[in-house]
Amino acid sequence: MVTRASCLECVEEHLGAAYVLLAETRDGYAHRLRAVGHLREAEDESQEWPELHAAIRAARKAYQTDGTMPDWETLARTSKAVRTSTR
């Protein structure tokens, strides 16, 4: 069930922010919670596209659970597929 309007540009912005913050987290900066927040926002913004939504949700949960870094290439490909299909 979609609970808010989806915006692919917003999804990409939040994923990009999470990427930067997680890279800085690996360098010792305390950005983990902010990165998780951006992943959650990307998840929320992607409700209209079930495959993208599920991929982002799985990435967020894996990171929160055991620190597994998101597979950014897979997320980028999935986002690109949505962009291509909505043209």
PDB file of N, CA and C in Angstrom:
ATOM      1  N   MET A   1       0.837  -1.184   0.000  1.00  0.00           N
ATOM      2  CA  MET A   1       0.000   0.000   0.000  1.00  0.00           C
ATOM      3  C   MET A   1       0.881   1.246   0.000  1.00  0.00           C
ATOM      4  N   VAL A   2       0.649   2.129  -0.930  1.00  0.00           N
ATOM      5  CA  VAL A   2       1.412   3.368  -1.028  1.00  0.00           C
ATOM      6  C   VAL A   2       0.832   4.381  -0.046  1.00  0.00           C
ATOM      7  N   THR A   3       1.662   4.891   0.862  1.00  0.00           N
ATOM      8  CA  THR A   3       1.190   5.823   1.880  1.00  0.00           C
ATOM      9  C   THR A   3       1.596   7.263   1.601  1.00  0.00           C
ATOM     10  N   ARG A   4       2.446   7.476   0.595  1.00  0.00           N
ATOM     11  CA  ARG A   4       2.812   8.832   0.191  1.00  0.00           C
ATOM     12  C   ARG A   4       3.225   8.810  -1.265  1.00  0.00           C
ATOM     13  N   ALA A   5       3.173   9.964  -1.894  1.00  0.00           N
ATOM     14  CA  ALA A   5       3.564  10.049  -3.305  1.00  0.00           C
ATOM     15  C   ALA A   5       5.033   9.678  -3.459  1.00  0.00           C
ATOM     16  N   SER A   6       5.335   8.927  -4.517  1.00  0.00           N
ATOM     17  CA  SER A   6       6.715   8.523  -4.780  1.00  0.00           C
ATOM     18  C   SER A   6       7.377   9.529  -5.708  1.00  0.00           C
ATOM     19  N   CYS A   7       8.667   9.694  -5.518  1.00  0.00           N
ATOM     20  CA  CYS A   7       9.439  10.654  -6.311  1.00  0.00           C
ATOM     21  C   CYS A   7      10.817  10.050  -6.566  1.00  0.00           C
ATOM     22  N   LEU A   8      11.081   9.664  -7.814  1.00  0.00           N
ATOM     23  CA  LEU A   8      12.343   9.012  -8.122  1.00  0.00           C
ATOM     24  C   LEU A   8      13.533   9.941  -7.887  1.00  0.00           C
ATOM     25  N   GLU A   9      13.380  11.215  -8.177  1.00  0.00           N
ATOM     26  CA  GLU A   9      14.467  12.160  -7.937  1.00  0.00           C
ATOM     27  C   GLU A   9      14.784  12.240  -6.448  1.00  0.00           C
ATOM     28  N   CYS A  10      13.750  12.210  -5.620  1.00  0.00           N
ATOM     29  CA  CYS A  10      13.954  12.228  -4.168  1.00  0.00           C
ATOM     30  C   CYS A  10      14.642  10.948  -3.699  1.00  0.00           C
ATOM     31  N   VAL A  11      14.231   9.816  -4.260  1.00  0.00           N
ATOM     32  CA  VAL A  11      14.870   8.536  -3.935  1.00  0.00           C
ATOM     33  C   VAL A  11      16.365   8.630  -4.218  1.00  0.00           C
ATOM     34  N   GLU A  12      16.709   9.111  -5.413  1.00  0.00           N
ATOM     35  CA  GLU A  12      18.115   9.202  -5.805  1.00  0.00           C
ATOM     36  C   GLU A  12      18.887  10.169  -4.913  1.00  0.00           C
ATOM     37  N   GLU A  13      18.266  11.278  -4.528  1.00  0.00           N
ATOM     38  CA  GLU A  13      18.933  12.225  -3.622  1.00  0.00           C
ATOM     39  C   GLU A  13      19.228  11.573  -2.272  1.00  0.00           C
ATOM     40  N   HIS A  14      18.255  10.851  -1.727  1.00  0.00           N
ATOM     41  CA  HIS A  14      18.458  10.205  -0.423  1.00  0.00           C
ATOM     42  C   HIS A  14      19.485   9.084  -0.512  1.00  0.00           C
ATOM     43  N   LEU A  15      19.464   8.315  -1.588  1.00  0.00           N
ATOM     44  CA  LEU A  15      20.479   7.269  -1.750  1.00  0.00           C
ATOM     45  C   LEU A  15      21.863   7.890  -1.874  1.00  0.00           C
ATOM     46  N   GLY A  16      21.971   8.972  -2.618  1.00  0.00           N
ATOM     47  CA  GLY A  16      23.259   9.653  -2.759  1.00  0.00           C
ATOM     48  C   GLY A  16      23.774  10.178  -1.427  1.00  0.00           C
ATOM     49  N   ALA A  17      22.882  10.770  -0.645  1.00  0.00           N
ATOM     50  CA  ALA A  17      23.273  11.277   0.675  1.00  0.00           C
ATOM     51  C   ALA A  17      23.714  10.126   1.579  1.00  0.00           C
ATOM     52  N   ALA A  18      22.975   9.012   1.540  1.00  0.00           N
ATOM     53  CA  ALA A  18      23.354   7.856   2.360  1.00  0.00           C
ATOM     54  C   ALA A  18      24.717   7.328   1.946  1.00  0.00           C
ATOM     55  N   TYR A  19      24.976   7.290   0.644  1.00  0.00           N
ATOM     56  CA  TYR A  19      26.269   6.817   0.139  1.00  0.00           C
ATOM     57  C   TYR A  19      27.412   7.657   0.706  1.00  0.00           C
ATOM     58  N   VAL A  20      27.273   8.959   0.625  1.00  0.00           N
ATOM     59  CA  VAL A  20      28.325   9.860   1.121  1.00  0.00           C
ATOM     60  C   VAL A  20      28.509   9.678   2.627  1.00  0.00           C
ATOM     61  N   LEU A  21      27.413   9.638   3.357  1.00  0.00           N
ATOM     62  CA  LEU A  21      27.503   9.502   4.806  1.00  0.00           C
ATOM     63  C   LEU A  21      28.100   8.162   5.230  1.00  0.00           C
ATOM     64  N   LEU A  22      27.754   7.086   4.527  1.00  0.00           N
ATOM     65  CA  LEU A  22      28.334   5.787   4.882  1.00  0.00           C
ATOM     66  C   LEU A  22      29.812   5.725   4.541  1.00  0.00           C
ATOM     67  N   ALA A  23      30.210   6.372   3.465  1.00  0.00           N
ATOM     68  CA  ALA A  23      31.642   6.439   3.143  1.00  0.00           C
ATOM     69  C   ALA A  23      32.381   7.187   4.244  1.00  0.00           C
ATOM     70  N   GLU A  24      31.806   8.264   4.726  1.00  0.00           N
ATOM     71  CA  GLU A  24      32.437   9.026   5.807  1.00  0.00           C
ATOM     72  C   GLU A  24      32.407   8.251   7.124  1.00  0.00           C
ATOM     73  N   THR A  25      31.357   7.451   7.322  1.00  0.00           N
ATOM     74  CA  THR A  25      31.278   6.624   8.532  1.00  0.00           C
ATOM     75  C   THR A  25      32.439   5.632   8.572  1.00  0.00           C
ATOM     76  N   ARG A  26      32.761   5.049   7.410  1.00  0.00           N
ATOM     77  CA  ARG A  26      33.904   4.128   7.354  1.00  0.00           C
ATOM     78  C   ARG A  26      35.211   4.832   7.683  1.00  0.00           C
ATOM     79  N   ASP A  27      35.250   6.141   7.450  1.00  0.00           N
ATOM     80  CA  ASP A  27      36.451   6.926   7.765  1.00  0.00           C
ATOM     81  C   ASP A  27      36.456   7.428   9.198  1.00  0.00           C
ATOM     82  N   GLY A  28      35.461   7.029   9.979  1.00  0.00           N
ATOM     83  CA  GLY A  28      35.456   7.359  11.390  1.00  0.00           C
ATOM     84  C   GLY A  28      34.489   8.453  11.813  1.00  0.00           C
ATOM     85  N   TYR A  29      33.789   9.055  10.890  1.00  0.00           N
ATOM     86  CA  TYR A  29      32.826  10.089  11.250  1.00  0.00           C
ATOM     87  C   TYR A  29      31.541   9.444  11.763  1.00  0.00           C
ATOM     88  N   ALA A  30      30.877  10.119  12.664  1.00  0.00           N
ATOM     89  CA  ALA A  30      29.671   9.569  13.307  1.00  0.00           C
ATOM     90  C   ALA A  30      28.415   9.938  12.530  1.00  0.00           C
ATOM     91  N   HIS A  31      28.257   9.339  11.348  1.00  0.00           N
ATOM     92  CA  HIS A  31      27.109   9.649  10.499  1.00  0.00           C
ATOM     93  C   HIS A  31      26.163   8.469  10.309  1.00  0.00           C
ATOM     94  N   ARG A  32      26.364   7.408  11.059  1.00  0.00           N
ATOM     95  CA  ARG A  32      25.572   6.198  10.852  1.00  0.00           C
ATOM     96  C   ARG A  32      24.070   6.450  10.906  1.00  0.00           C
ATOM     97  N   LEU A  33      23.598   7.112  11.951  1.00  0.00           N
ATOM     98  CA  LEU A  33      22.159   7.335  12.093  1.00  0.00           C
ATOM     99  C   LEU A  33      21.601   8.203  10.974  1.00  0.00           C
ATOM    100  N   ARG A  34      22.356   9.196  10.541  1.00  0.00           N
ATOM    101  CA  ARG A  34      21.900  10.039   9.439  1.00  0.00           C
ATOM    102  C   ARG A  34      21.799   9.216   8.152  1.00  0.00           C
ATOM    103  N   ALA A  35      22.769   8.345   7.937  1.00  0.00           N
ATOM    104  CA  ALA A  35      22.750   7.496   6.741  1.00  0.00           C
ATOM    105  C   ALA A  35      21.547   6.564   6.771  1.00  0.00           C
ATOM    106  N   VAL A  36      21.276   5.966   7.909  1.00  0.00           N
ATOM    107  CA  VAL A  36      20.113   5.089   8.044  1.00  0.00           C
ATOM    108  C   VAL A  36      18.839   5.889   7.777  1.00  0.00           C
ATOM    109  N   GLY A  37      18.790   7.107   8.270  1.00  0.00           N
ATOM    110  CA  GLY A  37      17.634   7.964   8.024  1.00  0.00           C
ATOM    111  C   GLY A  37      17.424   8.240   6.548  1.00  0.00           C
ATOM    112  N   HIS A  38      18.504   8.500   5.824  1.00  0.00           N
ATOM    113  CA  HIS A  38      18.386   8.734   4.384  1.00  0.00           C
ATOM    114  C   HIS A  38      17.948   7.462   3.652  1.00  0.00           C
ATOM    115  N   LEU A  39      18.453   6.315   4.056  1.00  0.00           N
ATOM    116  CA  LEU A  39      17.998   5.062   3.448  1.00  0.00           C
ATOM    117  C   LEU A  39      16.504   4.863   3.709  1.00  0.00           C
ATOM    118  N   ARG A  40      16.062   5.190   4.911  1.00  0.00           N
ATOM    119  CA  ARG A  40      14.636   5.052   5.253  1.00  0.00           C
ATOM    120  C   ARG A  40      13.788   6.009   4.425  1.00  0.00           C
ATOM    121  N   GLU A  41      14.269   7.228   4.233  1.00  0.00           N
ATOM    122  CA  GLU A  41      13.535   8.189   3.410  1.00  0.00           C
ATOM    123  C   GLU A  41      13.473   7.717   1.956  1.00  0.00           C
ATOM    124  N   ALA A  42      14.571   7.175   1.451  1.00  0.00           N
ATOM    125  CA  ALA A  42      14.578   6.639   0.081  1.00  0.00           C
ATOM    126  C   ALA A  42      13.576   5.496  -0.026  1.00  0.00           C
ATOM    127  N   GLU A  43      13.547   4.664   0.992  1.00  0.00           N
ATOM    128  CA  GLU A  43      12.586   3.552   1.030  1.00  0.00           C
ATOM    129  C   GLU A  43      11.159   4.088   0.986  1.00  0.00           C
ATOM    130  N   ASP A  44      10.875   5.072   1.800  1.00  0.00           N
ATOM    131  CA  ASP A  44       9.540   5.649   1.872  1.00  0.00           C
ATOM    132  C   ASP A  44       9.137   6.318   0.554  1.00  0.00           C
ATOM    133  N   GLU A  45      10.075   6.994  -0.081  1.00  0.00           N
ATOM    134  CA  GLU A  45       9.810   7.704  -1.339  1.00  0.00           C
ATOM    135  C   GLU A  45       9.633   6.757  -2.532  1.00  0.00           C
ATOM    136  N   SER A  46       9.989   5.491  -2.373  1.00  0.00           N
ATOM    137  CA  SER A  46       9.973   4.548  -3.503  1.00  0.00           C
ATOM    138  C   SER A  46       8.789   3.586  -3.480  1.00  0.00           C
ATOM    139  N   GLN A  47       7.789   3.855  -2.681  1.00  0.00           N
ATOM    140  CA  GLN A  47       6.679   2.918  -2.504  1.00  0.00           C
ATOM    141  C   GLN A  47       5.959   2.558  -3.801  1.00  0.00           C
ATOM    142  N   GLU A  48       5.948   3.458  -4.756  1.00  0.00           N
ATOM    143  CA  GLU A  48       5.231   3.220  -6.018  1.00  0.00           C
ATOM    144  C   GLU A  48       5.882   2.126  -6.867  1.00  0.00           C
ATOM    145  N   TRP A  49       7.168   1.856  -6.621  1.00  0.00           N
ATOM    146  CA  TRP A  49       7.919   0.893  -7.420  1.00  0.00           C
ATOM    147  C   TRP A  49       8.367  -0.254  -6.512  1.00  0.00           C
ATOM    148  N   PRO A  50       7.600  -1.335  -6.445  1.00  0.00           N
ATOM    149  CA  PRO A  50       7.841  -2.418  -5.486  1.00  0.00           C
ATOM    150  C   PRO A  50       9.253  -3.006  -5.521  1.00  0.00           C
ATOM    151  N   GLU A  51       9.826  -3.201  -6.705  1.00  0.00           N
ATOM    152  CA  GLU A  51      11.161  -3.799  -6.770  1.00  0.00           C
ATOM    153  C   GLU A  51      12.220  -2.873  -6.168  1.00  0.00           C
ATOM    154  N   LEU A  52      12.137  -1.595  -6.504  1.00  0.00           N
ATOM    155  CA  LEU A  52      13.081  -0.622  -5.947  1.00  0.00           C
ATOM    156  C   LEU A  52      12.868  -0.483  -4.445  1.00  0.00           C
ATOM    157  N   HIS A  53      11.623  -0.397  -4.035  1.00  0.00           N
ATOM    158  CA  HIS A  53      11.284  -0.280  -2.618  1.00  0.00           C
ATOM    159  C   HIS A  53      11.858  -1.456  -1.822  1.00  0.00           C
ATOM    160  N   ALA A  54      11.654  -2.668  -2.332  1.00  0.00           N
ATOM    161  CA  ALA A  54      12.149  -3.867  -1.642  1.00  0.00           C
ATOM    162  C   ALA A  54      13.672  -3.890  -1.580  1.00  0.00           C
ATOM    163  N   ALA A  55      14.333  -3.465  -2.651  1.00  0.00           N
ATOM    164  CA  ALA A  55      15.805  -3.454  -2.676  1.00  0.00           C
ATOM    165  C   ALA A  55      16.364  -2.463  -1.655  1.00  0.00           C
ATOM    166  N   ILE A  56      15.754  -1.292  -1.581  1.00  0.00           N
ATOM    167  CA  ILE A  56      16.220  -0.280  -0.615  1.00  0.00           C
ATOM    168  C   ILE A  56      15.948  -0.747   0.806  1.00  0.00           C
ATOM    169  N   ARG A  57      14.767  -1.307   1.024  1.00  0.00           N
ATOM    170  CA  ARG A  57      14.420  -1.803   2.363  1.00  0.00           C
ATOM    171  C   ARG A  57      15.390  -2.898   2.809  1.00  0.00           C
ATOM    172  N   ALA A  58      15.675  -3.831   1.918  1.00  0.00           N
ATOM    173  CA  ALA A  58      16.613  -4.913   2.252  1.00  0.00           C
ATOM    174  C   ALA A  58      18.001  -4.353   2.559  1.00  0.00           C
ATOM    175  N   ALA A  59      18.431  -3.365   1.777  1.00  0.00           N
ATOM    176  CA  ALA A  59      19.746  -2.751   2.007  1.00  0.00           C
ATOM    177  C   ALA A  59      19.787  -2.055   3.356  1.00  0.00           C
ATOM    178  N   ARG A  60      18.744  -1.313   3.682  1.00  0.00           N
ATOM    179  CA  ARG A  60      18.694  -0.613   4.970  1.00  0.00           C
ATOM    180  C   ARG A  60      18.706  -1.594   6.131  1.00  0.00           C
ATOM    181  N   LYS A  61      17.861  -2.621   6.038  1.00  0.00           N
ATOM    182  CA  LYS A  61      17.774  -3.586   7.129  1.00  0.00           C
ATOM    183  C   LYS A  61      19.093  -4.339   7.321  1.00  0.00           C
ATOM    184  N   ALA A  62      19.745  -4.711   6.226  1.00  0.00           N
ATOM    185  CA  ALA A  62      21.028  -5.414   6.331  1.00  0.00           C
ATOM    186  C   ALA A  62      22.073  -4.517   6.983  1.00  0.00           C
ATOM    187  N   TYR A  63      22.090  -3.253   6.599  1.00  0.00           N
ATOM    188  CA  TYR A  63      23.062  -2.336   7.204  1.00  0.00           C
ATOM    189  C   TYR A  63      22.775  -2.160   8.690  1.00  0.00           C
ATOM    190  N   GLN A  64      21.517  -1.962   9.030  1.00  0.00           N
ATOM    191  CA  GLN A  64      21.175  -1.773  10.437  1.00  0.00           C
ATOM    192  C   GLN A  64      21.433  -3.021  11.265  1.00  0.00           C
ATOM    193  N   THR A  65      21.194  -4.184  10.690  1.00  0.00           N
ATOM    194  CA  THR A  65      21.326  -5.435  11.429  1.00  0.00           C
ATOM    195  C   THR A  65      22.774  -5.843  11.650  1.00  0.00           C
ATOM    196  N   ASP A  66      23.559  -5.844  10.563  1.00  0.00           N
ATOM    197  CA  ASP A  66      24.920  -6.372  10.711  1.00  0.00           C
ATOM    198  C   ASP A  66      26.003  -5.535  10.034  1.00  0.00           C
ATOM    199  N   GLY A  67      25.644  -4.330   9.593  1.00  0.00           N
ATOM    200  CA  GLY A  67      26.648  -3.439   9.019  1.00  0.00           C
ATOM    201  C   GLY A  67      26.999  -3.718   7.571  1.00  0.00           C
ATOM    202  N   THR A  68      26.226  -4.583   6.907  1.00  0.00           N
ATOM    203  CA  THR A  68      26.483  -4.867   5.497  1.00  0.00           C
ATOM    204  C   THR A  68      26.219  -3.614   4.681  1.00  0.00           C
ATOM    205  N   MET A  69      27.232  -3.184   3.947  1.00  0.00           N
ATOM    206  CA  MET A  69      27.079  -1.989   3.120  1.00  0.00           C
ATOM    207  C   MET A  69      26.110  -2.265   1.975  1.00  0.00           C
ATOM    208  N   PRO A  70      25.275  -1.290   1.633  1.00  0.00           N
ATOM    209  CA  PRO A  70      24.363  -1.474   0.500  1.00  0.00           C
ATOM    210  C   PRO A  70      25.124  -1.760  -0.789  1.00  0.00           C
ATOM    211  N   ASP A  71      24.508  -2.529  -1.651  1.00  0.00           N
ATOM    212  CA  ASP A  71      25.067  -2.791  -2.973  1.00  0.00           C
ATOM    213  C   ASP A  71      24.615  -1.637  -3.864  1.00  0.00           C
ATOM    214  N   TRP A  72      25.438  -0.611  -3.919  1.00  0.00           N
ATOM    215  CA  TRP A  72      25.074   0.624  -4.614  1.00  0.00           C
ATOM    216  C   TRP A  72      24.839   0.394  -6.105  1.00  0.00           C
ATOM    217  N   GLU A  73      25.576  -0.520  -6.705  1.00  0.00           N
ATOM    218  CA  GLU A  73      25.405  -0.796  -8.137  1.00  0.00           C
ATOM    219  C   GLU A  73      24.024  -1.387  -8.416  1.00  0.00           C
ATOM    220  N   THR A  74      23.595  -2.306  -7.570  1.00  0.00           N
ATOM    221  CA  THR A  74      22.270  -2.900  -7.734  1.00  0.00           C
ATOM    222  C   THR A  74      21.188  -1.845  -7.538  1.00  0.00           C
ATOM    223  N   LEU A  75      21.341  -1.010  -6.521  1.00  0.00           N
ATOM    224  CA  LEU A  75      20.358   0.043  -6.297  1.00  0.00           C
ATOM    225  C   LEU A  75      20.317   1.015  -7.474  1.00  0.00           C
ATOM    226  N   ALA A  76      21.479   1.345  -8.036  1.00  0.00           N
ATOM    227  CA  ALA A  76      21.537   2.257  -9.192  1.00  0.00           C
ATOM    228  C   ALA A  76      20.861   1.622 -10.408  1.00  0.00           C
ATOM    229  N   ARG A  77      21.114   0.344 -10.649  1.00  0.00           N
ATOM    230  CA  ARG A  77      20.486  -0.348 -11.784  1.00  0.00           C
ATOM    231  C   ARG A  77      18.971  -0.415 -11.618  1.00  0.00           C
ATOM    232  N   THR A  78      18.525  -0.687 -10.428  1.00  0.00           N
ATOM    233  CA  THR A  78      17.092  -0.796 -10.163  1.00  0.00           C
ATOM    234  C   THR A  78      16.423   0.563 -10.327  1.00  0.00           C
ATOM    235  N   SER A  79      17.070   1.598  -9.862  1.00  0.00           N
ATOM    236  CA  SER A  79      16.561   2.952 -10.036  1.00  0.00           C
ATOM    237  C   SER A  79      16.513   3.337 -11.518  1.00  0.00           C
ATOM    238  N   LYS A  80      17.546   2.982 -12.237  1.00  0.00           N
ATOM    239  CA  LYS A  80      17.595   3.281 -13.678  1.00  0.00           C
ATOM    240  C   LYS A  80      16.467   2.549 -14.415  1.00  0.00           C
ATOM    241  N   ALA A  81      16.197   1.324 -14.019  1.00  0.00           N
ATOM    242  CA  ALA A  81      15.111   0.572 -14.651  1.00  0.00           C
ATOM    243  C   ALA A  81      13.767   1.259 -14.429  1.00  0.00           C
ATOM    244  N   VAL A  82      13.569   1.800 -13.231  1.00  0.00           N
ATOM    245  CA  VAL A  82      12.332   2.538 -12.955  1.00  0.00           C
ATOM    246  C   VAL A  82      12.271   3.779 -13.839  1.00  0.00           C
ATOM    247  N   ARG A  83      13.377   4.507 -13.916  1.00  0.00           N
ATOM    248  CA  ARG A  83      13.407   5.727 -14.723  1.00  0.00           C
ATOM    249  C   ARG A  83      13.090   5.412 -16.188  1.00  0.00           C
ATOM    250  N   THR A  84      13.664   4.343 -16.693  1.00  0.00           N
ATOM    251  CA  THR A  84      13.443   3.948 -18.075  1.00  0.00           C
ATOM    252  C   THR A  84      11.989   3.538 -18.318  1.00  0.00           C
ATOM    253  N   SER A  85      11.401   2.839 -17.353  1.00  0.00           N
ATOM    254  CA  SER A  85      10.029   2.349 -17.528  1.00  0.00           C
ATOM    255  C   SER A  85       8.979   3.445 -17.375  1.00  0.00           C
ATOM    256  N   THR A  86       9.325   4.560 -16.762  1.00  0.00           N
ATOM    257  CA  THR A  86       8.349   5.629 -16.549  1.00  0.00           C
ATOM    258  C   THR A  86       8.399   6.711 -17.618  1.00  0.00           C
ATOM    259  N   ARG A  87       9.243   6.524 -18.602  1.00  0.00           N
ATOM    260  CA  ARG A  87       9.326   7.535 -19.683  1.00  0.00           C
ATOM    261  C   ARG A  87       8.250   7.354 -20.683  1.00  0.00           C
TER     262      ARG A  87
END
